[in-house]
Amino acid sequence: SAGAVGCDPPIATVPSVRVSAPAHTRTPSDESDAMAGRLLAALDRVLPYLGPALAAVLGLVALGRRALVVDETSLLAAAQGSFSDVVERALSDDPARAGYLALLQPVAAAGDSEVWLRLPSVIAGVIAAIAAYRLGRRLGGRYAGATASLVLASSVGVVSLSRTVGPLVFALAAMLVSSALFARAVERGNAF
């Protein structure tokens, strides 16, 4: 059947010889892959903390170098006195500021330095960055959450609000916390 039509001629096979490193020897690509994997794992662990850490650093830088401005001084004056007096006066004079003055009164009673009075705003900026991460993570994943948190923390407006005595950064933090909690409730199916 050697002359049969459609049959291929026989092919001689040559034994192959494979030369490789011992199994325990790592190749450069294995080492770089392992290093890249460790770096990505470390980045994933650090992602939730990048924005809040940046918000804290930027909020604390030069916090006490500037004297209180007129608006901050008027808030400090309105927060002087006992807690009940401050809240009653705020409710009768300016109800919109009552909540913030109720938060500011214990801080003002403990001390009136610029750093001490502005520190709650820095903390509110950090809370806003945490809430931005949580909201972004729920809506777009870990990297989207980290990006949202970093953008918020490095925003000039948020940095300037977190360095002043005033309710605006608290309002921003409250808005982001409530939005993150709402997204969480919707995701779990118990929004309403």
C-alpha atoms as a PDB file:
ATOM      1  CA  SER A   1       0.000   0.000   0.000  1.00  0.00           C
ATOM      2  CA  ALA A   2       3.045   2.211  -0.381  1.00  0.00           C
ATOM      3  CA  GLY A   3       1.937   3.289  -3.794  1.00  0.00           C
ATOM      4  CA  ALA A   4      -1.643   4.038  -2.741  1.00  0.00           C
ATOM      5  CA  VAL A   5      -3.046   7.352  -3.784  1.00  0.00           C
ATOM      6  CA  GLY A   6      -3.630   9.901  -0.986  1.00  0.00           C
ATOM      7  CA  CYS A   7      -1.181   8.439   1.520  1.00  0.00           C
ATOM      8  CA  ASP A   8       1.572  10.640   2.839  1.00  0.00           C
ATOM      9  CA  PRO A   9       5.142   9.395   2.739  1.00  0.00           C
ATOM     10  CA  PRO A  10       6.523   8.267   6.097  1.00  0.00           C
ATOM     11  CA  ILE A  11       8.178  10.980   8.181  1.00  0.00           C
ATOM     12  CA  ALA A  12      11.228  10.300  10.269  1.00  0.00           C
ATOM     13  CA  THR A  13      10.845  11.440  13.856  1.00  0.00           C
ATOM     14  CA  VAL A  14      13.736  12.901  15.734  1.00  0.00           C
ATOM     15  CA  PRO A  15      13.602  12.691  19.489  1.00  0.00           C
ATOM     16  CA  SER A  16      13.381  16.166  21.022  1.00  0.00           C
ATOM     17  CA  VAL A  17      15.674  17.227  23.788  1.00  0.00           C
ATOM     18  CA  ARG A  18      14.396  19.835  26.213  1.00  0.00           C
ATOM     19  CA  VAL A  19      16.894  21.789  28.244  1.00  0.00           C
ATOM     20  CA  SER A  20      15.465  23.763  31.138  1.00  0.00           C
ATOM     21  CA  ALA A  21      16.435  25.090  34.517  1.00  0.00           C
ATOM     22  CA  PRO A  22      15.640  23.038  37.572  1.00  0.00           C
ATOM     23  CA  ALA A  23      12.083  23.400  38.843  1.00  0.00           C
ATOM     24  CA  HIS A  24      13.180  25.345  41.904  1.00  0.00           C
ATOM     25  CA  THR A  25      15.025  28.016  39.864  1.00  0.00           C
ATOM     26  CA  ARG A  26      12.951  31.126  39.210  1.00  0.00           C
ATOM     27  CA  THR A  27      13.125  32.824  35.876  1.00  0.00           C
ATOM     28  CA  PRO A  28      13.285  36.613  35.655  1.00  0.00           C
ATOM     29  CA  SER A  29       9.697  36.744  34.367  1.00  0.00           C
ATOM     30  CA  ASP A  30       8.487  34.678  37.365  1.00  0.00           C
ATOM     31  CA  GLU A  31      10.183  37.105  39.747  1.00  0.00           C
ATOM     32  CA  SER A  32       8.755  40.179  38.027  1.00  0.00           C
ATOM     33  CA  ASP A  33       5.286  38.583  37.936  1.00  0.00           C
ATOM     34  CA  ALA A  34       5.518  37.805  41.637  1.00  0.00           C
ATOM     35  CA  MET A  35       6.704  41.346  42.406  1.00  0.00           C
ATOM     36  CA  ALA A  36       3.883  42.839  40.324  1.00  0.00           C
ATOM     37  CA  GLY A  37       1.383  40.618  42.123  1.00  0.00           C
ATOM     38  CA  ARG A  38       2.682  41.728  45.526  1.00  0.00           C
ATOM     39  CA  LEU A  39       2.554  45.389  44.492  1.00  0.00           C
ATOM     40  CA  LEU A  40      -1.031  45.041  43.252  1.00  0.00           C
ATOM     41  CA  ALA A  41      -2.035  43.276  46.462  1.00  0.00           C
ATOM     42  CA  ALA A  42      -0.444  46.059  48.525  1.00  0.00           C
ATOM     43  CA  LEU A  43      -2.162  48.704  46.388  1.00  0.00           C
ATOM     44  CA  ASP A  44      -5.516  46.976  46.862  1.00  0.00           C
ATOM     45  CA  ARG A  45      -5.032  47.012  50.635  1.00  0.00           C
ATOM     46  CA  VAL A  46      -4.064  50.704  50.630  1.00  0.00           C
ATOM     47  CA  LEU A  47      -6.728  51.989  48.191  1.00  0.00           C
ATOM     48  CA  PRO A  48      -9.403  52.802  50.796  1.00  0.00           C
ATOM     49  CA  TYR A  49      -6.952  54.914  52.809  1.00  0.00           C
ATOM     50  CA  LEU A  50      -5.358  57.044  50.085  1.00  0.00           C
ATOM     51  CA  GLY A  51      -8.073  59.718  49.808  1.00  0.00           C
ATOM     52  CA  PRO A  52      -8.727  60.083  53.546  1.00  0.00           C
ATOM     53  CA  ALA A  53      -4.983  60.283  54.245  1.00  0.00           C
ATOM     54  CA  LEU A  54      -4.574  62.960  51.579  1.00  0.00           C
ATOM     55  CA  ALA A  55      -7.555  64.869  52.994  1.00  0.00           C
ATOM     56  CA  ALA A  56      -6.010  64.761  56.473  1.00  0.00           C
ATOM     57  CA  VAL A  57      -2.580  65.892  55.287  1.00  0.00           C
ATOM     58  CA  LEU A  58      -3.897  68.710  53.096  1.00  0.00           C
ATOM     59  CA  GLY A  59      -6.340  69.818  55.785  1.00  0.00           C
ATOM     60  CA  LEU A  60      -3.702  69.907  58.517  1.00  0.00           C
ATOM     61  CA  VAL A  61      -0.992  71.675  56.507  1.00  0.00           C
ATOM     62  CA  ALA A  62      -0.751  75.290  57.678  1.00  0.00           C
ATOM     63  CA  LEU A  63      -3.945  74.889  59.715  1.00  0.00           C
ATOM     64  CA  GLY A  64      -2.996  77.351  62.459  1.00  0.00           C
ATOM     65  CA  ARG A  65      -0.916  79.808  60.442  1.00  0.00           C
ATOM     66  CA  ARG A  66      -3.758  82.131  59.637  1.00  0.00           C
ATOM     67  CA  ALA A  67      -5.794  84.130  62.120  1.00  0.00           C
ATOM     68  CA  LEU A  68      -9.547  83.648  62.326  1.00  0.00           C
ATOM     69  CA  VAL A  69     -11.449  85.673  59.746  1.00  0.00           C
ATOM     70  CA  VAL A  70     -14.613  87.662  60.504  1.00  0.00           C
ATOM     71  CA  ASP A  71     -17.023  84.813  59.657  1.00  0.00           C
ATOM     72  CA  GLU A  72     -15.094  82.386  61.852  1.00  0.00           C
ATOM     73  CA  THR A  73     -14.986  84.889  64.713  1.00  0.00           C
ATOM     74  CA  SER A  74     -18.741  85.451  64.517  1.00  0.00           C
ATOM     75  CA  LEU A  75     -19.314  81.673  64.698  1.00  0.00           C
ATOM     76  CA  LEU A  76     -16.996  81.466  67.696  1.00  0.00           C
ATOM     77  CA  ALA A  77     -18.863  84.297  69.426  1.00  0.00           C
ATOM     78  CA  ALA A  78     -22.205  82.602  68.732  1.00  0.00           C
ATOM     79  CA  ALA A  79     -20.863  79.353  70.232  1.00  0.00           C
ATOM     80  CA  GLN A  80     -19.873  80.961  73.555  1.00  0.00           C
ATOM     81  CA  GLY A  81     -21.926  80.094  76.617  1.00  0.00           C
ATOM     82  CA  SER A  82     -23.641  76.990  77.903  1.00  0.00           C
ATOM     83  CA  PHE A  83     -24.834  74.404  75.416  1.00  0.00           C
ATOM     84  CA  SER A  84     -28.535  75.109  76.030  1.00  0.00           C
ATOM     85  CA  ASP A  85     -28.012  78.882  75.750  1.00  0.00           C
ATOM     86  CA  VAL A  86     -26.122  78.493  72.467  1.00  0.00           C
ATOM     87  CA  VAL A  87     -28.801  76.247  70.965  1.00  0.00           C
ATOM     88  CA  GLU A  88     -31.691  78.445  72.159  1.00  0.00           C
ATOM     89  CA  ARG A  89     -30.007  81.593  70.843  1.00  0.00           C
ATOM     90  CA  ALA A  90     -29.243  79.915  67.517  1.00  0.00           C
ATOM     91  CA  LEU A  91     -32.809  78.637  67.140  1.00  0.00           C
ATOM     92  CA  SER A  92     -34.235  82.086  67.754  1.00  0.00           C
ATOM     93  CA  ASP A  93     -31.663  84.112  65.738  1.00  0.00           C
ATOM     94  CA  ASP A  94     -30.592  81.804  62.897  1.00  0.00           C
ATOM     95  CA  PRO A  95     -32.107  78.294  62.886  1.00  0.00           C
ATOM     96  CA  ALA A  96     -30.021  77.249  59.884  1.00  0.00           C
ATOM     97  CA  ARG A  97     -26.840  77.473  61.976  1.00  0.00           C
ATOM     98  CA  ALA A  98     -28.253  75.757  65.082  1.00  0.00           C
ATOM     99  CA  GLY A  99     -26.903  72.298  64.254  1.00  0.00           C
ATOM    100  CA  TYR A 100     -23.415  73.542  63.501  1.00  0.00           C
ATOM    101  CA  LEU A 101     -23.309  75.756  66.587  1.00  0.00           C
ATOM    102  CA  ALA A 102     -24.411  72.773  68.693  1.00  0.00           C
ATOM    103  CA  LEU A 103     -21.387  70.897  67.303  1.00  0.00           C
ATOM    104  CA  LEU A 104     -19.045  73.874  67.729  1.00  0.00           C
ATOM    105  CA  GLN A 105     -20.013  74.749  71.305  1.00  0.00           C
ATOM    106  CA  PRO A 106     -18.143  71.871  73.044  1.00  0.00           C
ATOM    107  CA  VAL A 107     -15.094  72.498  70.849  1.00  0.00           C
ATOM    108  CA  ALA A 108     -15.131  76.229  71.629  1.00  0.00           C
ATOM    109  CA  ALA A 109     -15.599  75.512  75.343  1.00  0.00           C
ATOM    110  CA  ALA A 110     -12.461  73.347  75.324  1.00  0.00           C
ATOM    111  CA  GLY A 111     -10.271  75.991  73.698  1.00  0.00           C
ATOM    112  CA  ASP A 112     -10.254  78.834  71.219  1.00  0.00           C
ATOM    113  CA  SER A 113      -7.023  78.402  69.268  1.00  0.00           C
ATOM    114  CA  GLU A 114      -7.220  78.468  65.487  1.00  0.00           C
ATOM    115  CA  VAL A 115      -6.011  74.876  65.168  1.00  0.00           C
ATOM    116  CA  TRP A 116      -8.459  73.544  67.749  1.00  0.00           C
ATOM    117  CA  LEU A 117     -11.442  75.335  66.215  1.00  0.00           C
ATOM    118  CA  ARG A 118     -10.590  74.254  62.666  1.00  0.00           C
ATOM    119  CA  LEU A 119      -9.771  70.630  63.534  1.00  0.00           C
ATOM    120  CA  PRO A 120     -13.430  69.438  63.345  1.00  0.00           C
ATOM    121  CA  SER A 121     -13.562  70.700  59.758  1.00  0.00           C
ATOM    122  CA  VAL A 122     -10.475  68.643  58.890  1.00  0.00           C
ATOM    123  CA  ILE A 123     -12.127  65.579  60.438  1.00  0.00           C
ATOM    124  CA  ALA A 124     -15.284  66.250  58.413  1.00  0.00           C
ATOM    125  CA  GLY A 125     -13.125  66.458  55.256  1.00  0.00           C
ATOM    126  CA  VAL A 126     -11.628  63.055  56.064  1.00  0.00           C
ATOM    127  CA  ILE A 127     -15.127  61.632  56.618  1.00  0.00           C
ATOM    128  CA  ALA A 128     -16.204  63.097  53.262  1.00  0.00           C
ATOM    129  CA  ALA A 129     -13.252  61.366  51.557  1.00  0.00           C
ATOM    130  CA  ILE A 130     -14.168  58.051  53.213  1.00  0.00           C
ATOM    131  CA  ALA A 131     -17.779  58.427  52.088  1.00  0.00           C
ATOM    132  CA  ALA A 132     -16.658  59.315  48.539  1.00  0.00           C
ATOM    133  CA  TYR A 133     -14.594  56.118  48.440  1.00  0.00           C
ATOM    134  CA  ARG A 134     -17.513  54.009  49.688  1.00  0.00           C
ATOM    135  CA  LEU A 135     -19.945  55.560  47.220  1.00  0.00           C
ATOM    136  CA  GLY A 136     -17.536  55.271  44.301  1.00  0.00           C
ATOM    137  CA  ARG A 137     -16.718  51.678  45.198  1.00  0.00           C
ATOM    138  CA  ARG A 138     -20.396  50.728  45.223  1.00  0.00           C
ATOM    139  CA  LEU A 139     -21.061  52.455  41.903  1.00  0.00           C
ATOM    140  CA  GLY A 140     -17.892  51.651  39.951  1.00  0.00           C
ATOM    141  CA  GLY A 141     -15.507  49.404  41.857  1.00  0.00           C
ATOM    142  CA  ARG A 142     -12.444  49.838  44.059  1.00  0.00           C
ATOM    143  CA  TYR A 143     -10.453  51.952  41.623  1.00  0.00           C
ATOM    144  CA  ALA A 144     -13.397  54.260  40.936  1.00  0.00           C
ATOM    145  CA  GLY A 145     -13.870  54.701  44.684  1.00  0.00           C
ATOM    146  CA  ALA A 146     -10.206  55.501  45.212  1.00  0.00           C
ATOM    147  CA  THR A 147     -10.260  57.965  42.321  1.00  0.00           C
ATOM    148  CA  ALA A 148     -13.378  59.699  43.655  1.00  0.00           C
ATOM    149  CA  SER A 149     -11.845  59.924  47.107  1.00  0.00           C
ATOM    150  CA  LEU A 150      -8.518  61.296  45.827  1.00  0.00           C
ATOM    151  CA  VAL A 151     -10.199  63.844  43.548  1.00  0.00           C
ATOM    152  CA  LEU A 152     -12.403  65.053  46.390  1.00  0.00           C
ATOM    153  CA  ALA A 153      -9.519  65.200  48.876  1.00  0.00           C
ATOM    154  CA  SER A 154      -7.290  67.172  46.503  1.00  0.00           C
ATOM    155  CA  SER A 155     -10.005  69.578  45.367  1.00  0.00           C
ATOM    156  CA  VAL A 156      -9.094  73.178  46.148  1.00  0.00           C
ATOM    157  CA  GLY A 157     -12.598  73.928  47.378  1.00  0.00           C
ATOM    158  CA  VAL A 158     -12.700  70.998  49.784  1.00  0.00           C
ATOM    159  CA  VAL A 159      -9.190  71.738  51.081  1.00  0.00           C
ATOM    160  CA  SER A 160     -10.097  75.369  51.752  1.00  0.00           C
ATOM    161  CA  LEU A 161     -13.378  74.369  53.441  1.00  0.00           C
ATOM    162  CA  SER A 162     -11.580  71.888  55.662  1.00  0.00           C
ATOM    163  CA  ARG A 163      -9.216  74.627  56.841  1.00  0.00           C
ATOM    164  CA  THR A 164     -11.954  76.986  58.037  1.00  0.00           C
ATOM    165  CA  VAL A 165     -14.432  77.148  60.885  1.00  0.00           C
ATOM    166  CA  GLY A 166     -17.789  76.697  59.226  1.00  0.00           C
ATOM    167  CA  PRO A 167     -20.583  74.277  58.416  1.00  0.00           C
ATOM    168  CA  LEU A 168     -20.021  73.749  54.674  1.00  0.00           C
ATOM    169  CA  VAL A 169     -17.565  70.847  54.904  1.00  0.00           C
ATOM    170  CA  PHE A 170     -19.930  69.197  57.410  1.00  0.00           C
ATOM    171  CA  ALA A 171     -22.761  69.566  54.903  1.00  0.00           C
ATOM    172  CA  LEU A 172     -20.562  68.008  52.203  1.00  0.00           C
ATOM    173  CA  ALA A 173     -19.666  65.089  54.487  1.00  0.00           C
ATOM    174  CA  ALA A 174     -23.314  64.581  55.461  1.00  0.00           C
ATOM    175  CA  MET A 175     -24.383  64.590  51.813  1.00  0.00           C
ATOM    176  CA  LEU A 176     -21.753  62.023  50.825  1.00  0.00           C
ATOM    177  CA  VAL A 177     -22.422  59.785  53.838  1.00  0.00           C
ATOM    178  CA  SER A 178     -26.160  59.809  53.164  1.00  0.00           C
ATOM    179  CA  SER A 179     -25.579  59.083  49.456  1.00  0.00           C
ATOM    180  CA  ALA A 180     -23.238  56.184  50.284  1.00  0.00           C
ATOM    181  CA  LEU A 181     -25.760  54.777  52.747  1.00  0.00           C
ATOM    182  CA  PHE A 182     -28.550  55.134  50.190  1.00  0.00           C
ATOM    183  CA  ALA A 183     -26.480  53.300  47.549  1.00  0.00           C
ATOM    184  CA  ARG A 184     -25.792  50.576  50.097  1.00  0.00           C
ATOM    185  CA  ALA A 185     -29.494  50.233  50.894  1.00  0.00           C
ATOM    186  CA  VAL A 186     -30.423  50.058  47.212  1.00  0.00           C
ATOM    187  CA  GLU A 187     -27.736  47.434  46.598  1.00  0.00           C
ATOM    188  CA  ARG A 188     -29.076  45.313  49.437  1.00  0.00           C
ATOM    189  CA  GLY A 189     -32.633  45.735  48.238  1.00  0.00           C
ATOM    190  CA  ASN A 190     -34.073  47.564  51.245  1.00  0.00           C
ATOM    191  CA  ALA A 191     -34.134  51.170  50.036  1.00  0.00           C
ATOM    192  CA  PHE A 192     -37.750  51.818  50.843  1.00  0.00           C
END
